[in-house]
Structures are given as C-alpha cells and as structure tokens.
C-alpha atoms as a PDB file:
ATOM      1  CA  MET A   1       4.184  11.416  -9.946  1.00  0.00           C
ATOM      2  CA  SER A   2       7.867  10.556 -10.528  1.00  0.00           C
ATOM      3  CA  THR A   3      11.126  11.147  -8.653  1.00  0.00           C
ATOM      4  CA  LEU A   4      11.881  14.144 -10.973  1.00  0.00           C
ATOM      5  CA  PHE A   5       9.003  16.131  -9.157  1.00  0.00           C
ATOM      6  CA  LEU A   6       9.021  14.407  -5.791  1.00  0.00           C
ATOM      7  CA  LYS A   7      10.804  16.315  -3.317  1.00  0.00           C
ATOM      8  CA  SER A   8       9.509  15.381   0.092  1.00  0.00           C
ATOM      9  CA  VAL A   9       7.885  12.220   1.659  1.00  0.00           C
ATOM     10  CA  GLY A  10       5.829  12.488   4.993  1.00  0.00           C
ATOM     11  CA  VAL A  11       5.873   9.586   7.391  1.00  0.00           C
ATOM     12  CA  PHE A  12       3.024   8.869   9.695  1.00  0.00           C
ATOM     13  CA  ALA A  13       3.575   6.043  12.097  1.00  0.00           C
ATOM     14  CA  LYS A  14       1.327   3.979  14.551  1.00  0.00           C
ATOM     15  CA  PRO A  15       2.295   4.518  18.137  1.00  0.00           C
ATOM     16  CA  HIS A  16       3.772   1.748  20.339  1.00  0.00           C
ATOM     17  CA  SER A  17       4.420  -0.479  17.297  1.00  0.00           C
ATOM     18  CA  PRO A  18       7.718  -2.562  17.333  1.00  0.00           C
ATOM     19  CA  GLN A  19       7.253  -3.126  13.617  1.00  0.00           C
ATOM     20  CA  ALA A  20       7.111   0.594  12.977  1.00  0.00           C
ATOM     21  CA  ALA A  21      10.171   1.193  15.306  1.00  0.00           C
ATOM     22  CA  LYS A  22      12.108  -1.115  13.111  1.00  0.00           C
ATOM     23  CA  LEU A  23      10.874   0.114   9.753  1.00  0.00           C
ATOM     24  CA  VAL A  24      11.308   4.036  10.339  1.00  0.00           C
ATOM     25  CA  PRO A  25      15.100   4.058  10.401  1.00  0.00           C
ATOM     26  CA  GLN A  26      15.270   1.907   7.477  1.00  0.00           C
ATOM     27  CA  LEU A  27      12.803   4.104   5.548  1.00  0.00           C
ATOM     28  CA  ILE A  28      14.725   7.172   6.466  1.00  0.00           C
ATOM     29  CA  GLN A  29      17.893   5.747   5.120  1.00  0.00           C
ATOM     30  CA  TRP A  30      16.263   4.583   1.948  1.00  0.00           C
ATOM     31  CA  LEU A  31      14.665   7.970   1.254  1.00  0.00           C
ATOM     32  CA  THR A  32      17.786  10.089   2.011  1.00  0.00           C
ATOM     33  CA  GLN A  33      19.859   7.825  -0.214  1.00  0.00           C
ATOM     34  CA  ARG A  34      17.564   9.061  -3.015  1.00  0.00           C
ATOM     35  CA  ASN A  35      17.980  12.729  -1.989  1.00  0.00           C
ATOM     36  CA  LEU A  36      14.403  13.062  -0.734  1.00  0.00           C
ATOM     37  CA  GLU A  37      13.400  15.201   2.249  1.00  0.00           C
ATOM     38  CA  VAL A  38      11.784  13.235   5.077  1.00  0.00           C
ATOM     39  CA  ARG A  39       8.970  14.853   7.277  1.00  0.00           C
ATOM     40  CA  LEU A  40       8.229  12.801  10.288  1.00  0.00           C
ATOM     41  CA  ASP A  41       5.148  12.999  12.572  1.00  0.00           C
ATOM     42  CA  ASN A  42       5.874  12.859  16.414  1.00  0.00           C
ATOM     43  CA  GLU A  43       5.585   9.083  16.620  1.00  0.00           C
ATOM     44  CA  ALA A  44       7.891   8.339  13.519  1.00  0.00           C
ATOM     45  CA  ALA A  45      10.305  11.015  15.068  1.00  0.00           C
ATOM     46  CA  ARG A  46      10.442   8.860  18.299  1.00  0.00           C
ATOM     47  CA  TYR A  47      11.328   5.729  16.407  1.00  0.00           C
ATOM     48  CA  ALA A  48      14.185   7.672  14.722  1.00  0.00           C
ATOM     49  CA  GLY A  49      15.695   8.706  18.035  1.00  0.00           C
ATOM     50  CA  MET A  50      14.422  12.337  17.910  1.00  0.00           C
ATOM     51  CA  PHE A  51      12.624  14.029  20.769  1.00  0.00           C
ATOM     52  CA  VAL A  52       9.985  15.565  18.760  1.00  0.00           C
ATOM     53  CA  GLY A  53       8.701  15.582  15.229  1.00  0.00           C
ATOM     54  CA  LEU A  54       5.918  17.514  13.292  1.00  0.00           C
ATOM     55  CA  ASP A  55       2.296  17.867  14.138  1.00  0.00           C
ATOM     56  CA  ARG A  56       0.498  15.667  11.556  1.00  0.00           C
ATOM     57  CA  THR A  57      -1.017  18.624   9.733  1.00  0.00           C
ATOM     58  CA  HIS A  58       2.464  20.171   9.357  1.00  0.00           C
ATOM     59  CA  VAL A  59       3.858  16.924   7.976  1.00  0.00           C
ATOM     60  CA  ALA A  60       1.073  17.060   5.250  1.00  0.00           C
ATOM     61  CA  GLU A  61       1.765  20.743   4.558  1.00  0.00           C
ATOM     62  CA  GLY A  62       5.174  19.947   2.867  1.00  0.00           C
ATOM     63  CA  CYS A  63       4.989  16.493   1.473  1.00  0.00           C
ATOM     64  CA  ASP A  64       4.483  15.161  -2.088  1.00  0.00           C
ATOM     65  CA  LEU A  65       3.840  11.604  -0.864  1.00  0.00           C
ATOM     66  CA  ALA A  66       2.668  10.111   2.547  1.00  0.00           C
ATOM     67  CA  VAL A  67       3.898   6.909   3.862  1.00  0.00           C
ATOM     68  CA  VAL A  68       1.639   5.403   6.668  1.00  0.00           C
ATOM     69  CA  LEU A  69       3.126   2.677   8.943  1.00  0.00           C
ATOM     70  CA  GLY A  70       0.208   1.257  11.019  1.00  0.00           C
ATOM     71  CA  GLY A  71      -3.359   0.096  10.697  1.00  0.00           C
ATOM     72  CA  ASP A  72      -6.379   1.597   9.258  1.00  0.00           C
ATOM     73  CA  GLY A  73      -6.769   3.962  12.345  1.00  0.00           C
ATOM     74  CA  THR A  74      -3.368   5.536  11.373  1.00  0.00           C
ATOM     75  CA  VAL A  75      -4.619   6.009   7.764  1.00  0.00           C
ATOM     76  CA  LEU A  76      -7.787   7.719   8.970  1.00  0.00           C
ATOM     77  CA  SER A  77      -5.834  10.053  11.104  1.00  0.00           C
ATOM     78  CA  ALA A  78      -3.330  10.878   8.304  1.00  0.00           C
ATOM     79  CA  ALA A  79      -6.243  11.242   5.763  1.00  0.00           C
ATOM     80  CA  ARG A  80      -7.760  13.974   7.899  1.00  0.00           C
ATOM     81  CA  ALA A  81      -4.375  15.678   8.389  1.00  0.00           C
ATOM     82  CA  ILE A  82      -3.761  15.675   4.671  1.00  0.00           C
ATOM     83  CA  GLY A  83      -7.348  17.156   3.922  1.00  0.00           C
ATOM     84  CA  ASN A  84      -7.722  18.441   0.333  1.00  0.00           C
ATOM     85  CA  ARG A  85      -3.952  18.424  -0.462  1.00  0.00           C
ATOM     86  CA  GLN A  86      -4.269  15.434  -3.057  1.00  0.00           C
ATOM     87  CA  ILE A  87      -1.386  13.597  -1.621  1.00  0.00           C
ATOM     88  CA  PRO A  88      -1.085   9.913  -2.432  1.00  0.00           C
ATOM     89  CA  ILE A  89      -0.945   7.690   0.583  1.00  0.00           C
ATOM     90  CA  LEU A  90       1.104   4.593   0.538  1.00  0.00           C
ATOM     91  CA  ALA A  91      -0.157   2.520   3.657  1.00  0.00           C
ATOM     92  CA  VAL A  92       1.627  -0.398   5.116  1.00  0.00           C
ATOM     93  CA  ASN A  93      -0.412  -2.859   7.136  1.00  0.00           C
ATOM     94  CA  LEU A  94       0.994  -3.146  10.667  1.00  0.00           C
ATOM     95  CA  GLY A  95      -2.574  -3.574  12.241  1.00  0.00           C
ATOM     96  CA  GLY A  96      -5.239  -6.118  12.224  1.00  0.00           C
ATOM     97  CA  LEU A  97      -7.789  -6.419   9.314  1.00  0.00           C
ATOM     98  CA  GLY A  98      -6.358  -3.490   7.347  1.00  0.00           C
ATOM     99  CA  PHE A  99      -8.965  -2.760   4.634  1.00  0.00           C
ATOM    100  CA  LEU A 100      -7.198   0.504   3.954  1.00  0.00           C
ATOM    101  CA  THR A 101      -3.610  -0.804   4.482  1.00  0.00           C
ATOM    102  CA  ALA A 102      -3.405  -3.320   1.708  1.00  0.00           C
ATOM    103  CA  ILE A 103       0.399  -3.420   1.402  1.00  0.00           C
ATOM    104  CA  LYS A 104       2.283  -6.040   3.333  1.00  0.00           C
ATOM    105  CA  ILE A 105       5.537  -5.299   5.094  1.00  0.00           C
ATOM    106  CA  GLU A 106       7.600  -7.608   2.728  1.00  0.00           C
ATOM    107  CA  ASP A 107       6.112  -5.673  -0.216  1.00  0.00           C
ATOM    108  CA  PHE A 108       6.798  -2.214   1.174  1.00  0.00           C
ATOM    109  CA  PHE A 109      10.039  -1.160  -0.416  1.00  0.00           C
ATOM    110  CA  PRO A 110       9.299  -2.691  -3.914  1.00  0.00           C
ATOM    111  CA  GLU A 111       5.851  -0.772  -3.802  1.00  0.00           C
ATOM    112  CA  LEU A 112       7.545   2.399  -2.691  1.00  0.00           C
ATOM    113  CA  GLU A 113      10.039   1.980  -5.536  1.00  0.00           C
ATOM    114  CA  ARG A 114       7.143   1.509  -7.916  1.00  0.00           C
ATOM    115  CA  ALA A 115       5.260   4.670  -6.514  1.00  0.00           C
ATOM    116  CA  LEU A 116       8.466   6.803  -6.871  1.00  0.00           C
ATOM    117  CA  GLY A 117       8.750   5.681 -10.610  1.00  0.00           C
ATOM    118  CA  GLY A 118       5.085   6.547 -11.246  1.00  0.00           C
ATOM    119  CA  GLY A 119       3.975   3.031 -11.811  1.00  0.00           C
ATOM    120  CA  HIS A 120       1.539   2.718  -8.934  1.00  0.00           C
ATOM    121  CA  ARG A 121      -2.273   2.287  -8.989  1.00  0.00           C
ATOM    122  CA  LEU A 122      -4.494   4.870  -7.235  1.00  0.00           C
ATOM    123  CA  SER A 123      -7.873   4.373  -5.580  1.00  0.00           C
ATOM    124  CA  ARG A 124      -9.801   7.499  -5.150  1.00  0.00           C
ATOM    125  CA  ARG A 125     -12.039   7.491  -1.931  1.00  0.00           C
ATOM    126  CA  LYS A 126     -14.533  10.184  -1.408  1.00  0.00           C
ATOM    127  CA  MET A 127     -14.659  11.790   1.950  1.00  0.00           C
ATOM    128  CA  MET A 128     -17.651  12.950   3.898  1.00  0.00           C
ATOM    129  CA  GLU A 129     -18.110  16.516   5.319  1.00  0.00           C
ATOM    130  CA  VAL A 130     -19.841  16.539   8.743  1.00  0.00           C
ATOM    131  CA  THR A 131     -21.149  19.687  10.202  1.00  0.00           C
ATOM    132  CA  LEU A 132     -22.443  19.881  13.831  1.00  0.00           C
ATOM    133  CA  LEU A 133     -25.221  22.441  14.039  1.00  0.00           C
ATOM    134  CA  ARG A 134     -26.543  23.910  17.267  1.00  0.00           C
ATOM    135  CA  ASP A 135     -29.456  26.509  17.170  1.00  0.00           C
ATOM    136  CA  HIS A 136     -28.847  26.699  13.381  1.00  0.00           C
ATOM    137  CA  THR A 137     -25.245  27.838  14.027  1.00  0.00           C
ATOM    138  CA  THR A 138     -22.073  25.659  13.040  1.00  0.00           C
ATOM    139  CA  VAL A 139     -20.439  24.439  16.111  1.00  0.00           C
ATOM    140  CA  ALA A 140     -17.810  22.252  14.330  1.00  0.00           C
ATOM    141  CA  THR A 141     -16.990  20.874  10.961  1.00  0.00           C
ATOM    142  CA  TYR A 142     -15.142  17.568  10.233  1.00  0.00           C
ATOM    143  CA  GLN A 143     -13.973  15.510   7.413  1.00  0.00           C
ATOM    144  CA  ALA A 144     -14.627  11.791   7.564  1.00  0.00           C
ATOM    145  CA  LEU A 145     -13.256   8.977   5.594  1.00  0.00           C
ATOM    146  CA  ASN A 146     -15.172   6.182   7.271  1.00  0.00           C
ATOM    147  CA  ASP A 147     -18.196   7.434   9.217  1.00  0.00           C
ATOM    148  CA  ALA A 148     -19.985   9.792  11.643  1.00  0.00           C
ATOM    149  CA  VAL A 149     -21.517   8.085  14.583  1.00  0.00           C
ATOM    150  CA  ILE A 150     -24.037   9.408  17.094  1.00  0.00           C
ATOM    151  CA  ALA A 151     -23.885   6.922  19.982  1.00  0.00           C
ATOM    152  CA  LYS A 152     -25.229   6.919  23.610  1.00  0.00           C
ATOM    153  CA  SER A 153     -22.899   8.131  26.437  1.00  0.00           C
ATOM    154  CA  ASN A 154     -24.811   6.545  29.191  1.00  0.00           C
ATOM    155  CA  ILE A 155     -24.348   2.770  30.023  1.00  0.00           C
ATOM    156  CA  ALA A 156     -28.031   1.595  29.692  1.00  0.00           C
ATOM    157  CA  ARG A 157     -30.167   4.221  28.111  1.00  0.00           C
ATOM    158  CA  MET A 158     -31.047   4.403  24.376  1.00  0.00           C
ATOM    159  CA  ILE A 159     -31.213   7.562  22.483  1.00  0.00           C
ATOM    160  CA  ASP A 160     -33.748   9.043  19.916  1.00  0.00           C
ATOM    161  CA  VAL A 161     -32.460  10.292  16.668  1.00  0.00           C
ATOM    162  CA  ASP A 162     -34.640  11.589  13.707  1.00  0.00           C
ATOM    163  CA  ALA A 163     -33.040  11.037  10.344  1.00  0.00           C
ATOM    164  CA  TYR A 164     -33.643  13.005   7.162  1.00  0.00           C
ATOM    165  CA  TYR A 165     -32.494  12.450   3.544  1.00  0.00           C
ATOM    166  CA  GLY A 166     -32.424  15.863   1.964  1.00  0.00           C
ATOM    167  CA  ASP A 167     -35.935  17.290   2.951  1.00  0.00           C
ATOM    168  CA  ALA A 168     -37.409  13.842   3.240  1.00  0.00           C
ATOM    169  CA  PHE A 169     -37.976  12.335   6.693  1.00  0.00           C
ATOM    170  CA  VAL A 170     -36.622   8.841   7.029  1.00  0.00           C
ATOM    171  CA  CYS A 171     -37.600   7.678  10.355  1.00  0.00           C
ATOM    172  CA  SER A 172     -37.054   8.105  14.169  1.00  0.00           C
ATOM    173  CA  TYR A 173     -34.537   5.757  15.510  1.00  0.00           C
ATOM    174  CA  LYS A 174     -34.734   4.572  19.177  1.00  0.00           C
ATOM    175  CA  ALA A 175     -31.315   2.755  19.348  1.00  0.00           C
ATOM    176  CA  ASP A 176     -27.842   2.828  20.940  1.00  0.00           C
ATOM    177  CA  GLY A 177     -26.814   4.964  18.135  1.00  0.00           C
ATOM    178  CA  LEU A 178     -26.747   5.699  14.319  1.00  0.00           C
ATOM    179  CA  ILE A 179     -23.926   5.239  11.907  1.00  0.00           C
ATOM    180  CA  ILE A 180     -23.734   7.268   8.753  1.00  0.00           C
ATOM    181  CA  ALA A 181     -21.010   5.651   6.719  1.00  0.00           C
ATOM    182  CA  THR A 182     -19.256   6.193   3.476  1.00  0.00           C
ATOM    183  CA  PRO A 183     -18.534   3.380   0.995  1.00  0.00           C
ATOM    184  CA  THR A 184     -14.989   3.170   2.423  1.00  0.00           C
ATOM    185  CA  GLY A 185     -16.497   2.998   6.018  1.00  0.00           C
ATOM    186  CA  SER A 186     -18.963   0.284   5.056  1.00  0.00           C
ATOM    187  CA  THR A 187     -16.347  -2.281   5.944  1.00  0.00           C
ATOM    188  CA  ALA A 188     -15.675  -0.854   9.420  1.00  0.00           C
ATOM    189  CA  TYR A 189     -18.219  -0.117  12.217  1.00  0.00           C
ATOM    190  CA  SER A 190     -21.296  -0.160   9.855  1.00  0.00           C
ATOM    191  CA  LEU A 191     -20.379  -3.724   8.856  1.00  0.00           C
ATOM    192  CA  SER A 192     -20.376  -4.749  12.586  1.00  0.00           C
ATOM    193  CA  ALA A 193     -23.783  -3.189  12.893  1.00  0.00           C
ATOM    194  CA  GLY A 194     -25.188  -5.259  10.072  1.00  0.00           C
ATOM    195  CA  GLY A 195     -24.799  -2.775   7.369  1.00  0.00           C
ATOM    196  CA  PRO A 196     -23.913  -3.912   3.752  1.00  0.00           C
ATOM    197  CA  ILE A 197     -20.509  -3.764   2.039  1.00  0.00           C
ATOM    198  CA  ILE A 198     -20.498  -1.008  -0.649  1.00  0.00           C
ATOM    199  CA  TYR A 199     -18.144  -0.804  -3.523  1.00  0.00           C
ATOM    200  CA  PRO A 200     -15.624   2.030  -2.895  1.00  0.00           C
ATOM    201  CA  THR A 201     -16.481   4.088  -5.780  1.00  0.00           C
ATOM    202  CA  VAL A 202     -20.365   4.092  -5.408  1.00  0.00           C
ATOM    203  CA  LYS A 203     -21.614   7.513  -4.573  1.00  0.00           C
ATOM    204  CA  ALA A 204     -23.770   6.661  -1.504  1.00  0.00           C
ATOM    205  CA  PHE A 205     -23.997   6.854   2.212  1.00  0.00           C
ATOM    206  CA  CYS A 206     -25.324   4.091   4.450  1.00  0.00           C
ATOM    207  CA  LEU A 207     -27.541   4.692   7.574  1.00  0.00           C
ATOM    208  CA  ALA A 208     -27.048   1.820   9.872  1.00  0.00           C
ATOM    209  CA  PRO A 209     -28.742   1.827  13.361  1.00  0.00           C
ATOM    210  CA  ILE A 210     -26.789   0.372  16.418  1.00  0.00           C
ATOM    211  CA  CYS A 211     -28.992  -2.188  18.195  1.00  0.00           C
ATOM    212  CA  PRO A 212     -32.326  -0.513  17.336  1.00  0.00           C
ATOM    213  CA  HIS A 213     -35.415  -1.040  19.603  1.00  0.00           C
ATOM    214  CA  THR A 214     -37.335  -1.870  16.509  1.00  0.00           C
ATOM    215  CA  VAL A 215     -35.734  -4.828  14.754  1.00  0.00           C
ATOM    216  CA  THR A 216     -37.234  -3.902  11.557  1.00  0.00           C
ATOM    217  CA  ASN A 217     -35.070  -0.715  11.533  1.00  0.00           C
ATOM    218  CA  ARG A 218     -32.535  -2.150   8.992  1.00  0.00           C
ATOM    219  CA  PRO A 219     -29.659  -0.254   7.318  1.00  0.00           C
ATOM    220  CA  ILE A 220     -30.443   1.665   4.282  1.00  0.00           C
ATOM    221  CA  ILE A 221     -28.311   3.010   1.396  1.00  0.00           C
ATOM    222  CA  VAL A 222     -29.069   6.409  -0.231  1.00  0.00           C
ATOM    223  CA  PRO A 223     -27.467   8.308  -2.830  1.00  0.00           C
ATOM    224  CA  ALA A 224     -24.780  10.996  -1.978  1.00  0.00           C
ATOM    225  CA  ASP A 225     -26.318  13.658  -3.994  1.00  0.00           C
ATOM    226  CA  LYS A 226     -28.211  15.068  -1.032  1.00  0.00           C
ATOM    227  CA  PRO A 227     -27.242  15.634   2.688  1.00  0.00           C
ATOM    228  CA  VAL A 228     -28.230  13.136   5.433  1.00  0.00           C
ATOM    229  CA  ARG A 229     -29.267  14.961   8.705  1.00  0.00           C
ATOM    230  CA  ALA A 230     -29.610  13.433  12.038  1.00  0.00           C
ATOM    231  CA  VAL A 231     -31.330  15.376  14.791  1.00  0.00           C
ATOM    232  CA  ASN A 232     -30.401  14.318  18.446  1.00  0.00           C
ATOM    233  CA  HIS A 233     -33.238  14.216  20.944  1.00  0.00           C
ATOM    234  CA  ALA A 234     -31.323  12.711  23.864  1.00  0.00           C
ATOM    235  CA  ALA A 235     -30.703  14.952  26.845  1.00  0.00           C
ATOM    236  CA  ASP A 236     -27.641  17.128  26.797  1.00  0.00           C
ATOM    237  CA  GLU A 237     -24.386  15.061  26.743  1.00  0.00           C
ATOM    238  CA  SER A 238     -26.252  11.896  26.749  1.00  0.00           C
ATOM    239  CA  ALA A 239     -25.089  11.374  23.112  1.00  0.00           C
ATOM    240  CA  PHE A 240     -21.770  11.814  21.544  1.00  0.00           C
ATOM    241  CA  LEU A 241     -20.705  12.454  17.915  1.00  0.00           C
ATOM    242  CA  THR A 242     -17.610  10.491  16.877  1.00  0.00           C
ATOM    243  CA  ILE A 243     -15.805  10.959  13.537  1.00  0.00           C
ATOM    244  CA  ASP A 244     -13.871   7.987  12.228  1.00  0.00           C
ATOM    245  CA  GLY A 245     -13.878   6.616  15.888  1.00  0.00           C
ATOM    246  CA  GLN A 246     -11.199   9.146  16.782  1.00  0.00           C
ATOM    247  CA  VAL A 247     -12.474  12.726  17.106  1.00  0.00           C
ATOM    248  CA  GLY A 248     -15.799  14.228  17.980  1.00  0.00           C
ATOM    249  CA  SER A 249     -17.992  16.240  20.328  1.00  0.00           C
ATOM    250  CA  PRO A 250     -20.676  15.731  22.979  1.00  0.00           C
ATOM    251  CA  LEU A 251     -24.178  16.481  21.739  1.00  0.00           C
ATOM    252  CA  GLU A 252     -26.965  18.608  23.284  1.00  0.00           C
ATOM    253  CA  ASN A 253     -30.663  18.173  22.761  1.00  0.00           C
ATOM    254  CA  GLY A 254     -31.733  19.412  19.431  1.00  0.00           C
ATOM    255  CA  ASP A 255     -28.215  19.139  17.849  1.00  0.00           C
ATOM    256  CA  THR A 256     -28.263  18.497  14.149  1.00  0.00           C
ATOM    257  CA  VAL A 257     -25.466  16.471  12.457  1.00  0.00           C
ATOM    258  CA  GLU A 258     -25.412  17.132   8.755  1.00  0.00           C
ATOM    259  CA  CYS A 259     -23.464  14.818   6.377  1.00  0.00           C
ATOM    260  CA  ARG A 260     -22.704  15.458   2.817  1.00  0.00           C
ATOM    261  CA  ALA A 261     -20.287  14.380   0.094  1.00  0.00           C
ATOM    262  CA  SER A 262     -16.927  16.193   0.560  1.00  0.00           C
ATOM    263  CA  ASP A 263     -14.967  18.078  -2.084  1.00  0.00           C
ATOM    264  CA  PHE A 264     -11.856  15.993  -0.775  1.00  0.00           C
ATOM    265  CA  ASP A 265     -10.721  12.805  -2.105  1.00  0.00           C
ATOM    266  CA  VAL A 266      -8.220  10.547  -0.447  1.00  0.00           C
ATOM    267  CA  LEU A 267      -5.693   8.897  -2.847  1.00  0.00           C
ATOM    268  CA  LEU A 268      -4.682   5.508  -1.643  1.00  0.00           C
ATOM    269  CA  ILE A 269      -1.856   3.644  -3.445  1.00  0.00           C
ATOM    270  CA  ARG A 270      -2.994   0.034  -3.982  1.00  0.00           C
ATOM    271  CA  PRO A 271      -1.028  -3.081  -4.834  1.00  0.00           C
ATOM    272  CA  PRO A 272      -1.032  -3.916  -8.592  1.00  0.00           C
ATOM    273  CA  GLN A 273      -3.378  -6.628  -9.840  1.00  0.00           C
ATOM    274  CA  LYS A 274      -5.325  -6.666  -6.513  1.00  0.00           C
ATOM    275  CA  SER A 275      -8.959  -5.890  -6.709  1.00  0.00           C
ATOM    276  CA  PHE A 276     -11.391  -4.794  -3.924  1.00  0.00           C
ATOM    277  CA  PHE A 277     -12.785  -8.343  -4.047  1.00  0.00           C
ATOM    278  CA  ASP A 278      -9.274  -9.731  -3.433  1.00  0.00           C
ATOM    279  CA  VAL A 279      -9.067  -7.850  -0.321  1.00  0.00           C
ATOM    280  CA  LEU A 280     -12.576  -8.919   0.868  1.00  0.00           C
ATOM    281  CA  ARG A 281     -11.669 -12.546   0.317  1.00  0.00           C
ATOM    282  CA  GLN A 282      -8.432 -12.198   2.140  1.00  0.00           C
ATOM    283  CA  LYS A 283      -9.741 -10.033   5.181  1.00  0.00           C
ATOM    284  CA  LEU A 284     -13.095 -11.446   5.529  1.00  0.00           C
ATOM    285  CA  LYS A 285     -11.932 -15.121   4.845  1.00  0.00           C
ATOM    286  CA  TRP A 286     -14.423 -15.501   2.061  1.00  0.00           C
ATOM    287  CA  GLY A 287     -14.309 -18.786   0.141  1.00  0.00           C
ATOM    288  CA  GLU A 288     -12.283 -19.222  -2.974  1.00  0.00           C
ATOM    289  CA  ARG A 289     -12.457 -21.725  -5.708  1.00  0.00           C
END
C-alpha cells in the first residue's frame, strides 16, 4: 500500500474519549493536507464538530485504510464492520490493556506516515464465523475476531451445554457458560476463565468453560479444521449468545451455535520490531531479564 493508490482513510473512534476528541481534528487536518478523503464514523464526526457521520459499515465501504482510535473493543467493532474487505487497520491505544491496539499515542503520526509509505508490518488474524441454528434453520450469522460466548442470563442458575468437535462429542458442560475463542481472543475473556494464550497465527479454537460445576472441566484447544458446535439445553432465554462481547442473541432450548474458521482475515498494522511476546511482557507485566 502506498500513497499513490491510497485515496480514502476511514476513522473509527471510541465514544466519550477526551483523547479521541483531541486526536480526531488533528488527524483530519493531517490527512487533508495529503489530499486524502476522510470518512468518519458517528463518534469521530462528533469530535470533528459534525452532527452526524457514517454508519461504521458505510465507513468501511469506501476506505483503503482504517484508523481506529480507542481500545480493543473499538477494534472489534471496526473489524466486524470491515468484514472481508481486506482493509489494513491502524489502531491507536486509548483504552486499557490494548492487545490489539499496540500503537501508542506518541507514535501515532510516525506510524501513520510509515503506513502511507508502505513501510508498515501487517499481522493477519483469522476471524471465526458463528452461526446460530434453531430447528436446523439459520437464525443469525456473525463474524467474530475474539470469541463466541454462551452464558447464563439468570443470576444464580447454571446452564447445560453439549459441545462437539466435528462429529465427535466432547462433553456436557454444566457451568456459568462456555467460551469458544480464536487465538486472538485467547488473551481476552478466555484468559480470564483460565484458558491458555495461543500464538495469533495458530489455526485453532479454545473451548473454555466459565466456572464449571466439575472442576476437572479444563479449557481445551482443538484444530480449526473442523467446526465446533455447542448445543444449548437451558430453558428458553435462560442463556445468551454474545459475539466479541458486543452483539448477540438470546438462546432457546435446543439452539445450536456452530463456530468455524472464517474466510475473512483482519489485517492489523503492528509496530516495527515489536513481537507478540513483547506485547505479552508489556501488557501482562511478565518479567524481563
């Protein structure tokens, strides 16, 4: 990617962020000085003093590069909006841990300059296609970058979920829920539930039960060459399916959630000379020599 072929930059911004409110006008000026079209989502448009911007899916329709100002949640939302368009994402960390937003504010404009000149480094992350089936009929289809979570809706009651890998029965979980995570999502909710960290390019899924009744129900990693199916046995609307912690649907008894490797990849622009292990040491406070 070079400025010769780059015509439009989409901007996705975190809501209620003083840092984003300061950065958006600077970014617009920086891009317009380089004769680039700027497409703003609704949040970025408000920071720019406009009444309304574009729906995020419409931002993605016309941009060659996506700039995300926020935390990992904003990246997840932008990634779903971008879908299969193969648009590189330059994400600036305005949030907390920021496993996906590895670029610091002070490095933002130098890294943006590097990206426009084609000197950036890309990390290709595989998404997961999640299909909700009811009576063998597709009710909804989602693209997830992090995970699909089946969790209880009621305060105290556990739920029952049967899990399958391909045609093989894995086990029946009695737990507060079940997380089916991608390698990218292994450092998110799955990690909090005791799941392992998976290197981003490994082609695998992790099944991590949430507070299982049987303490020997431990997280398990399976290859992503077959679908993972989870059948809900909780009463209607006693369980809920959540995608990347942001969108989803209430579940009925007998609903099946099928997860398989997506045809879509998310392209994340990463800082030069910074490995995945550098990020882990920084974000998780691992020891250094």
